[in-house]
Protein backbone atom coordinates (compact mmCIF):
# COMPACT_ATOMS: atom_id res chain seq x y z
CA MET A 1 23.41 6.99 2.24
CA ASP A 2 22.13 3.41 2.38
CA LYS A 3 20.46 3.97 5.70
CA LEU A 4 18.89 7.22 4.48
CA PHE A 5 17.41 5.42 1.46
CA ARG A 6 15.92 2.70 3.66
CA ILE A 7 14.38 5.31 5.96
CA VAL A 8 12.96 7.29 3.03
CA ALA A 9 11.63 4.07 1.47
CA LEU A 10 9.88 3.14 4.72
CA LEU A 11 8.39 6.59 5.22
CA GLU A 12 7.34 6.82 1.57
CA GLY A 13 5.60 3.49 1.82
CA VAL A 14 3.79 4.38 5.02
CA SER A 15 2.77 7.81 3.69
CA TYR A 16 1.43 6.18 0.51
CA LEU A 17 -0.64 3.68 2.49
CA LEU A 18 -2.02 6.44 4.69
CA LEU A 19 -2.91 8.49 1.62
CA MET A 20 -4.51 5.57 -0.22
CA PHE A 21 -6.33 3.82 2.63
CA LEU A 22 -7.21 6.76 4.89
CA GLY A 23 -7.05 9.94 2.85
CA MET A 24 -8.78 8.80 -0.31
CA PRO A 25 -11.79 7.10 1.38
CA PHE A 26 -12.36 10.17 3.54
CA LYS A 27 -12.15 12.40 0.52
CA TYR A 28 -14.53 10.46 -1.70
CA LEU A 29 -16.83 8.74 0.78
CA LYS A 30 -17.10 11.45 3.47
CA ASP A 31 -16.38 14.45 1.20
CA ASP A 32 -13.61 15.50 3.58
CA PRO A 33 -10.25 16.26 1.86
CA GLN A 34 -8.49 17.02 5.18
CA PHE A 35 -6.42 13.83 5.24
CA VAL A 36 -5.41 14.13 1.56
CA LYS A 37 -4.12 17.65 2.28
CA MET A 38 -2.33 16.45 5.37
CA PHE A 39 -0.64 13.41 3.81
CA GLY A 40 -0.31 14.61 0.24
CA MET A 41 2.62 17.05 0.52
CA PRO A 42 4.81 14.84 2.76
CA HIS A 43 4.14 11.87 0.50
CA GLY A 44 5.06 13.87 -2.59
CA LEU A 45 8.35 15.00 -1.08
CA LEU A 46 9.18 11.48 0.11
CA PHE A 47 8.33 10.09 -3.35
CA ILE A 48 10.68 12.56 -5.04
CA GLY A 49 13.39 11.80 -2.45
CA TYR A 50 12.95 8.06 -3.02
CA VAL A 51 13.33 8.37 -6.80
CA VAL A 52 16.33 10.68 -6.53
CA LEU A 53 18.07 8.42 -4.03
CA ALA A 54 17.32 5.38 -6.22
CA PHE A 55 19.10 7.06 -9.11
CA VAL A 56 22.03 8.06 -6.88
CA LEU A 57 22.41 4.57 -5.41
CA LYS A 58 21.87 2.57 -8.63
CA SER A 59 25.60 2.07 -9.22
CA HIS A 60 26.34 1.51 -5.53
CA TYR A 61 23.94 -1.45 -5.41
CA LYS A 62 24.92 -2.51 -8.99
CA TRP A 63 21.31 -2.81 -10.05
CA ASN A 64 20.79 -3.86 -13.66
CA ASN A 65 18.04 -2.12 -15.61
CA LYS A 66 15.40 -4.69 -14.67
CA ASN A 67 16.12 -4.45 -10.94
CA PHE A 68 16.31 -0.65 -11.10
CA PHE A 69 12.90 -0.61 -12.81
CA ILE A 70 11.51 -2.81 -10.01
CA VAL A 71 12.94 -0.43 -7.41
CA LEU A 72 11.31 2.55 -9.12
CA LEU A 73 8.04 0.62 -9.63
CA GLY A 74 8.03 -0.08 -5.88
CA SER A 75 7.40 3.60 -5.24
CA ILE A 76 4.04 3.61 -7.08
CA ILE A 77 2.63 0.22 -6.00
CA PRO A 78 1.10 -0.07 -2.52
CA PHE A 79 3.45 -2.00 -0.25
CA GLY A 80 6.08 -1.82 -3.01
CA THR A 81 8.73 -0.01 -0.98
CA PHE A 82 8.52 -2.71 1.69
CA TYR A 83 9.21 -5.35 -0.95
CA VAL A 84 12.13 -3.31 -2.32
CA ASP A 85 13.59 -2.96 1.17
CA ARG A 86 13.38 -6.71 1.80
CA LYS A 87 14.57 -7.81 -1.66
CA PHE A 88 17.13 -5.18 -2.66
CA LEU A 89 18.28 -3.15 0.34
CA ARG A 90 19.13 -5.69 3.04
């Protein structure tokens, strides 16, 4: 389960960056929503998976409420999941 969470965290972080730094500029600067459509659904599923796995693994990692909040916050801040992986999952 640990390895799965790390993989989901990595993929969620990459999908978020692709959505923010490729999809959004194309949508609003080029008026082309193709990349948002392409990256949006996978990112949404990975985000939900990340949050669910964080709740499942909270007791395994013995995160206190502050650390658990940081882990959850990592899913909505660009590059956050990479920080969480380095700080809490290794």
